[in-house]
Amino acid sequence: MLRLLAAFILVASFAVHGAELRRWDGGPTPALELEDLTGQVHRLADYRGKVVLVNFWATWCEPCRAEMPSIDGLRSALEGQPFQVLAVNLAEPLSRIEKFLGAMPLGFPLLRDRDGSVAKAWRARLLPASFLIGRDGRIRYVAFGELDWTSDAVRARVTDLLKEEGPAQRRAARDAPPPAQTAPAARAARPSGADRTRRRA
């Protein structure tokens, strides 16, 4: 317990105001399975085929709070497209998260990392920590610190990921029958017996 508290304090001391979205080179995507504020379980694996933004945050983190409206703005702009936001709160009481949500309504799930184990697995040592996951389930970009998620540069990265084929599209393309081949032009009809007789006449 003391070790967990020490880790939490260490993370709490690193709230970052500036960030850039850069390519991820940290290896495979860790698992994520957490409850939201209503107790519903969200598994990252269930969102395969979508572009997913996993954002680690806390109410005490000023840059976390500052970037939330732009995250929700991005979600709203991409309504109807295969895009999902999962905001993972770092080990705070439910009452504190609900109070924050009452002051800043958001249109995406807030998940509870009650003991900080998921943040540790994702190496979210600075807050906010954001991971942009492609439709194939792999982490593609990461940002440590506050980011304007409605900026043209960020939107372009997200749009590029949305254009990629997801697993379902690849399966459909693989299982689709080959395109029908165009039949060669029909051979000219052989002359009938009557035609041959007329030619000889």
C-alpha atoms as a PDB file:
ATOM      1  CA  MET A   1       0.000   0.000   0.000  1.00  0.00           C
ATOM      2  CA  LEU A   2       2.817   2.402   0.855  1.00  0.00           C
ATOM      3  CA  ARG A   3       4.498   1.577  -2.446  1.00  0.00           C
ATOM      4  CA  LEU A   4       1.277   2.365  -4.332  1.00  0.00           C
ATOM      5  CA  LEU A   5       0.875   5.646  -2.442  1.00  0.00           C
ATOM      6  CA  ALA A   6       4.455   6.611  -3.256  1.00  0.00           C
ATOM      7  CA  ALA A   7       3.881   5.849  -6.944  1.00  0.00           C
ATOM      8  CA  PHE A   8       0.670   7.892  -6.929  1.00  0.00           C
ATOM      9  CA  ILE A   9       2.444  10.891  -5.371  1.00  0.00           C
ATOM     10  CA  LEU A  10       5.218  10.589  -7.941  1.00  0.00           C
ATOM     11  CA  VAL A  11       2.738  10.675 -10.818  1.00  0.00           C
ATOM     12  CA  ALA A  12       0.827  13.526  -9.171  1.00  0.00           C
ATOM     13  CA  SER A  13       3.970  15.668  -9.177  1.00  0.00           C
ATOM     14  CA  PHE A  14       4.285  15.465 -12.980  1.00  0.00           C
ATOM     15  CA  ALA A  15       1.361  17.260 -14.617  1.00  0.00           C
ATOM     16  CA  VAL A  16       2.515  18.465 -18.017  1.00  0.00           C
ATOM     17  CA  HIS A  17       1.177  21.503 -19.839  1.00  0.00           C
ATOM     18  CA  GLY A  18       2.714  21.162 -23.308  1.00  0.00           C
ATOM     19  CA  ALA A  19       2.693  18.097 -25.538  1.00  0.00           C
ATOM     20  CA  GLU A  20       2.989  16.836 -29.076  1.00  0.00           C
ATOM     21  CA  LEU A  21       1.560  13.762 -30.716  1.00  0.00           C
ATOM     22  CA  ARG A  22       4.417  11.449 -31.653  1.00  0.00           C
ATOM     23  CA  ARG A  23       4.707   7.938 -32.995  1.00  0.00           C
ATOM     24  CA  TRP A  24       4.640   5.124 -30.477  1.00  0.00           C
ATOM     25  CA  ASP A  25       7.617   2.787 -30.304  1.00  0.00           C
ATOM     26  CA  GLY A  26       6.994   1.279 -26.881  1.00  0.00           C
ATOM     27  CA  GLY A  27       5.842  -2.176 -27.872  1.00  0.00           C
ATOM     28  CA  PRO A  28       2.494  -4.025 -27.779  1.00  0.00           C
ATOM     29  CA  THR A  29      -0.740  -2.466 -26.557  1.00  0.00           C
ATOM     30  CA  PRO A  30      -1.428  -3.362 -22.898  1.00  0.00           C
ATOM     31  CA  ALA A  31      -4.793  -4.778 -21.913  1.00  0.00           C
ATOM     32  CA  LEU A  32      -7.438  -2.437 -20.540  1.00  0.00           C
ATOM     33  CA  GLU A  33     -10.563  -3.574 -18.696  1.00  0.00           C
ATOM     34  CA  LEU A  34     -12.164  -1.079 -16.312  1.00  0.00           C
ATOM     35  CA  GLU A  35     -15.557  -0.014 -14.993  1.00  0.00           C
ATOM     36  CA  ASP A  36     -17.107   3.341 -15.749  1.00  0.00           C
ATOM     37  CA  LEU A  37     -18.942   5.448 -13.157  1.00  0.00           C
ATOM     38  CA  THR A  38     -22.074   3.286 -13.451  1.00  0.00           C
ATOM     39  CA  GLY A  39     -20.226   0.003 -13.046  1.00  0.00           C
ATOM     40  CA  GLN A  40     -20.334  -0.987 -16.719  1.00  0.00           C
ATOM     41  CA  VAL A  41     -17.158  -2.764 -17.829  1.00  0.00           C
ATOM     42  CA  HIS A  42     -15.279  -1.423 -20.841  1.00  0.00           C
ATOM     43  CA  ARG A  43     -12.666  -3.599 -22.544  1.00  0.00           C
ATOM     44  CA  LEU A  44     -10.323  -2.094 -25.076  1.00  0.00           C
ATOM     45  CA  ALA A  45     -10.539  -5.327 -27.080  1.00  0.00           C
ATOM     46  CA  ASP A  46     -14.269  -4.715 -27.579  1.00  0.00           C
ATOM     47  CA  TYR A  47     -13.495  -1.523 -29.506  1.00  0.00           C
ATOM     48  CA  ARG A  48     -11.252  -3.237 -32.058  1.00  0.00           C
ATOM     49  CA  GLY A  49     -12.090  -1.868 -35.492  1.00  0.00           C
ATOM     50  CA  LYS A  50     -12.347   1.692 -34.123  1.00  0.00           C
ATOM     51  CA  VAL A  51      -9.776   4.395 -33.568  1.00  0.00           C
ATOM     52  CA  VAL A  52      -9.583   4.775 -29.781  1.00  0.00           C
ATOM     53  CA  LEU A  53      -8.167   7.604 -27.699  1.00  0.00           C
ATOM     54  CA  VAL A  54      -7.157   6.330 -24.248  1.00  0.00           C
ATOM     55  CA  ASN A  55      -6.559   9.312 -21.985  1.00  0.00           C
ATOM     56  CA  PHE A  56      -5.173   9.002 -18.428  1.00  0.00           C
ATOM     57  CA  TRP A  57      -6.182  11.946 -16.262  1.00  0.00           C
ATOM     58  CA  ALA A  58      -7.065  13.192 -12.769  1.00  0.00           C
ATOM     59  CA  THR A  59      -9.192  16.022 -11.424  1.00  0.00           C
ATOM     60  CA  TRP A  60      -6.214  17.548  -9.562  1.00  0.00           C
ATOM     61  CA  CYS A  61      -4.247  17.751 -12.836  1.00  0.00           C
ATOM     62  CA  GLU A  62      -4.751  21.236 -14.309  1.00  0.00           C
ATOM     63  CA  PRO A  63      -3.620  20.400 -17.882  1.00  0.00           C
ATOM     64  CA  CYS A  64      -5.867  17.320 -17.764  1.00  0.00           C
ATOM     65  CA  ARG A  65      -8.858  19.509 -17.015  1.00  0.00           C
ATOM     66  CA  ALA A  66      -7.800  22.069 -19.609  1.00  0.00           C
ATOM     67  CA  GLU A  67      -7.675  19.586 -22.507  1.00  0.00           C
ATOM     68  CA  MET A  68     -10.964  17.824 -21.737  1.00  0.00           C
ATOM     69  CA  PRO A  69     -13.127  20.263 -23.785  1.00  0.00           C
ATOM     70  CA  SER A  70     -10.941  19.733 -26.870  1.00  0.00           C
ATOM     71  CA  ILE A  71     -11.148  15.946 -26.450  1.00  0.00           C
ATOM     72  CA  ASP A  72     -14.921  16.218 -26.299  1.00  0.00           C
ATOM     73  CA  GLY A  73     -14.838  18.566 -29.284  1.00  0.00           C
ATOM     74  CA  LEU A  74     -12.941  15.973 -31.307  1.00  0.00           C
ATOM     75  CA  ARG A  75     -15.422  13.282 -30.265  1.00  0.00           C
ATOM     76  CA  SER A  76     -18.330  15.492 -31.288  1.00  0.00           C
ATOM     77  CA  ALA A  77     -16.748  16.355 -34.656  1.00  0.00           C
ATOM     78  CA  LEU A  78     -16.278  12.640 -35.418  1.00  0.00           C
ATOM     79  CA  GLU A  79     -19.794  11.610 -34.374  1.00  0.00           C
ATOM     80  CA  GLY A  80     -20.951   8.659 -36.462  1.00  0.00           C
ATOM     81  CA  GLN A  81     -17.426   7.575 -37.377  1.00  0.00           C
ATOM     82  CA  PRO A  82     -15.553   4.606 -35.832  1.00  0.00           C
ATOM     83  CA  PHE A  83     -13.929   6.704 -33.105  1.00  0.00           C
ATOM     84  CA  GLN A  84     -14.096   6.243 -29.323  1.00  0.00           C
ATOM     85  CA  VAL A  85     -12.684   8.059 -26.292  1.00  0.00           C
ATOM     86  CA  LEU A  86     -11.920   6.191 -23.046  1.00  0.00           C
ATOM     87  CA  ALA A  87     -10.824   8.552 -20.261  1.00  0.00           C
ATOM     88  CA  VAL A  88      -9.132   6.667 -17.414  1.00  0.00           C
ATOM     89  CA  ASN A  89      -9.179   8.425 -14.043  1.00  0.00           C
ATOM     90  CA  LEU A  90      -6.209   7.754 -11.816  1.00  0.00           C
ATOM     91  CA  ALA A  91      -7.279   6.357  -8.426  1.00  0.00           C
ATOM     92  CA  GLU A  92      -9.705   9.062  -7.277  1.00  0.00           C
ATOM     93  CA  PRO A  93     -12.911   8.646  -5.236  1.00  0.00           C
ATOM     94  CA  LEU A  94     -16.145   8.341  -7.183  1.00  0.00           C
ATOM     95  CA  SER A  95     -17.581  11.436  -5.471  1.00  0.00           C
ATOM     96  CA  ARG A  96     -14.724  13.599  -6.716  1.00  0.00           C
ATOM     97  CA  ILE A  97     -15.071  12.355 -10.303  1.00  0.00           C
ATOM     98  CA  GLU A  98     -18.848  12.912 -10.236  1.00  0.00           C
ATOM     99  CA  LYS A  99     -18.341  16.448  -8.926  1.00  0.00           C
ATOM    100  CA  PHE A 100     -15.965  17.163 -11.803  1.00  0.00           C
ATOM    101  CA  LEU A 101     -18.401  15.695 -14.327  1.00  0.00           C
ATOM    102  CA  GLY A 102     -21.208  17.828 -12.895  1.00  0.00           C
ATOM    103  CA  ALA A 103     -19.180  20.955 -13.646  1.00  0.00           C
ATOM    104  CA  MET A 104     -17.931  19.723 -17.034  1.00  0.00           C
ATOM    105  CA  PRO A 105     -20.357  17.320 -18.778  1.00  0.00           C
ATOM    106  CA  LEU A 106     -18.569  15.031 -21.241  1.00  0.00           C
ATOM    107  CA  GLY A 107     -19.862  12.734 -23.965  1.00  0.00           C
ATOM    108  CA  PHE A 108     -17.503   9.809 -23.428  1.00  0.00           C
ATOM    109  CA  PRO A 109     -16.998   7.178 -20.696  1.00  0.00           C
ATOM    110  CA  LEU A 110     -14.914   7.978 -17.617  1.00  0.00           C
ATOM    111  CA  LEU A 111     -13.248   4.799 -16.381  1.00  0.00           C
ATOM    112  CA  ARG A 112     -11.859   4.167 -12.889  1.00  0.00           C
ATOM    113  CA  ASP A 113      -8.327   2.871 -12.408  1.00  0.00           C
ATOM    114  CA  ARG A 114      -8.888   2.379  -8.687  1.00  0.00           C
ATOM    115  CA  ASP A 115      -5.406   1.205  -7.742  1.00  0.00           C
ATOM    116  CA  GLY A 116      -3.350   2.740 -10.537  1.00  0.00           C
ATOM    117  CA  SER A 117      -2.364  -0.663 -11.930  1.00  0.00           C
ATOM    118  CA  VAL A 118      -3.609   0.078 -15.445  1.00  0.00           C
ATOM    119  CA  ALA A 119      -1.749   3.399 -15.572  1.00  0.00           C
ATOM    120  CA  LYS A 120       1.376   1.540 -14.477  1.00  0.00           C
ATOM    121  CA  ALA A 121       0.924  -1.107 -17.207  1.00  0.00           C
ATOM    122  CA  TRP A 122       0.503   1.665 -19.806  1.00  0.00           C
ATOM    123  CA  ARG A 123       3.514   3.548 -18.403  1.00  0.00           C
ATOM    124  CA  ALA A 124       1.428   6.683 -17.898  1.00  0.00           C
ATOM    125  CA  ARG A 125       4.018   8.327 -15.656  1.00  0.00           C
ATOM    126  CA  LEU A 126       3.080  11.877 -16.677  1.00  0.00           C
ATOM    127  CA  LEU A 127      -0.406  13.359 -16.799  1.00  0.00           C
ATOM    128  CA  PRO A 128      -2.268  13.770 -18.968  1.00  0.00           C
ATOM    129  CA  ALA A 129      -1.079  10.732 -20.916  1.00  0.00           C
ATOM    130  CA  SER A 130      -2.877   9.993 -24.169  1.00  0.00           C
ATOM    131  CA  PHE A 131      -2.570   6.990 -26.449  1.00  0.00           C
ATOM    132  CA  LEU A 132      -4.090   6.972 -29.932  1.00  0.00           C
ATOM    133  CA  ILE A 133      -4.897   3.435 -31.057  1.00  0.00           C
ATOM    134  CA  GLY A 134      -5.474   2.372 -34.641  1.00  0.00           C
ATOM    135  CA  ARG A 135      -8.336   0.236 -35.893  1.00  0.00           C
ATOM    136  CA  ASP A 136      -6.046  -2.793 -35.736  1.00  0.00           C
ATOM    137  CA  GLY A 137      -5.731  -2.420 -31.948  1.00  0.00           C
ATOM    138  CA  ARG A 138      -2.127  -1.182 -31.962  1.00  0.00           C
ATOM    139  CA  ILE A 139      -0.959   2.018 -30.255  1.00  0.00           C
ATOM    140  CA  ARG A 140       0.083   4.371 -33.046  1.00  0.00           C
ATOM    141  CA  TYR A 141       0.679   7.729 -31.325  1.00  0.00           C
ATOM    142  CA  VAL A 142       1.294   8.983 -27.791  1.00  0.00           C
ATOM    143  CA  ALA A 143       1.243  12.382 -26.100  1.00  0.00           C
ATOM    144  CA  PHE A 144       2.369  13.267 -22.571  1.00  0.00           C
ATOM    145  CA  GLY A 145       0.881  16.585 -21.572  1.00  0.00           C
ATOM    146  CA  GLU A 146      -1.943  18.887 -22.616  1.00  0.00           C
ATOM    147  CA  LEU A 147      -2.857  18.791 -26.302  1.00  0.00           C
ATOM    148  CA  ASP A 148      -5.376  20.637 -28.444  1.00  0.00           C
ATOM    149  CA  TRP A 149      -7.269  17.682 -29.881  1.00  0.00           C
ATOM    150  CA  THR A 150      -9.215  19.906 -32.281  1.00  0.00           C
ATOM    151  CA  SER A 151      -6.091  21.286 -33.989  1.00  0.00           C
ATOM    152  CA  ASP A 152      -5.583  20.638 -37.688  1.00  0.00           C
ATOM    153  CA  ALA A 153      -2.421  18.589 -37.080  1.00  0.00           C
ATOM    154  CA  VAL A 154      -4.112  16.244 -34.603  1.00  0.00           C
ATOM    155  CA  ARG A 155      -7.257  15.945 -36.708  1.00  0.00           C
ATOM    156  CA  ALA A 156      -5.114  14.962 -39.698  1.00  0.00           C
ATOM    157  CA  ARG A 157      -3.484  12.122 -37.723  1.00  0.00           C
ATOM    158  CA  VAL A 158      -6.834  10.843 -36.504  1.00  0.00           C
ATOM    159  CA  THR A 159      -8.352  11.092 -39.981  1.00  0.00           C
ATOM    160  CA  ASP A 160      -5.482   9.063 -41.437  1.00  0.00           C
ATOM    161  CA  LEU A 161      -6.109   6.310 -38.873  1.00  0.00           C
ATOM    162  CA  LEU A 162      -9.833   6.327 -39.631  1.00  0.00           C
ATOM    163  CA  LYS A 163      -9.073   5.752 -43.318  1.00  0.00           C
ATOM    164  CA  GLU A 164      -7.205   2.546 -42.557  1.00  0.00           C
ATOM    165  CA  GLU A 165      -9.083  -0.729 -42.859  1.00  0.00           C
ATOM    166  CA  GLY A 166     -10.187  -2.367 -39.649  1.00  0.00           C
ATOM    167  CA  PRO A 167     -10.143  -6.144 -39.054  1.00  0.00           C
ATOM    168  CA  ALA A 168     -13.752  -6.534 -40.249  1.00  0.00           C
ATOM    169  CA  GLN A 169     -13.034  -4.718 -43.508  1.00  0.00           C
ATOM    170  CA  ARG A 170      -9.940  -6.828 -44.139  1.00  0.00           C
ATOM    171  CA  ARG A 171     -11.886 -10.036 -43.518  1.00  0.00           C
ATOM    172  CA  ALA A 172     -14.657  -8.911 -45.858  1.00  0.00           C
ATOM    173  CA  ALA A 173     -12.121  -8.108 -48.577  1.00  0.00           C
ATOM    174  CA  ARG A 174     -10.386 -11.449 -48.085  1.00  0.00           C
ATOM    175  CA  ASP A 175     -13.611 -13.459 -48.163  1.00  0.00           C
ATOM    176  CA  ALA A 176     -15.169 -11.610 -51.083  1.00  0.00           C
ATOM    177  CA  PRO A 177     -15.454 -13.690 -54.289  1.00  0.00           C
ATOM    178  CA  PRO A 178     -13.048 -12.744 -57.064  1.00  0.00           C
ATOM    179  CA  PRO A 179     -14.432 -10.244 -59.559  1.00  0.00           C
ATOM    180  CA  ALA A 180     -16.298 -11.833 -62.436  1.00  0.00           C
ATOM    181  CA  GLN A 181     -14.192 -12.122 -65.555  1.00  0.00           C
ATOM    182  CA  THR A 182     -15.481 -10.554 -68.720  1.00  0.00           C
ATOM    183  CA  ALA A 183     -16.494 -13.291 -71.160  1.00  0.00           C
ATOM    184  CA  PRO A 184     -14.644 -13.152 -74.483  1.00  0.00           C
ATOM    185  CA  ALA A 185     -16.618 -11.873 -77.388  1.00  0.00           C
ATOM    186  CA  ALA A 186     -18.823 -14.575 -78.849  1.00  0.00           C
ATOM    187  CA  ARG A 187     -17.415 -16.159 -81.923  1.00  0.00           C
ATOM    188  CA  ALA A 188     -19.123 -15.209 -85.147  1.00  0.00           C
ATOM    189  CA  ALA A 189     -21.929 -17.618 -85.858  1.00  0.00           C
ATOM    190  CA  ARG A 190     -20.985 -20.262 -88.384  1.00  0.00           C
ATOM    191  CA  PRO A 191     -22.821 -19.815 -91.688  1.00  0.00           C
ATOM    192  CA  SER A 192     -25.866 -21.989 -92.034  1.00  0.00           C
ATOM    193  CA  GLY A 193     -26.224 -24.663 -94.764  1.00  0.00           C
ATOM    194  CA  ALA A 194     -28.506 -22.337 -96.700  1.00  0.00           C
ATOM    195  CA  ASP A 195     -25.864 -19.588 -96.639  1.00  0.00           C
ATOM    196  CA  ARG A 196     -23.204 -21.966 -97.949  1.00  0.00           C
ATOM    197  CA  THR A 197     -25.518 -23.075-100.733  1.00  0.00           C
ATOM    198  CA  ARG A 198     -26.188 -19.465-101.775  1.00  0.00           C
ATOM    199  CA  ARG A 199     -22.430 -18.758-101.915  1.00  0.00           C
ATOM    200  CA  ARG A 200     -21.829 -21.761-104.181  1.00  0.00           C
ATOM    201  CA  ALA A 201     -24.710 -20.797-106.469  1.00  0.00           C
END
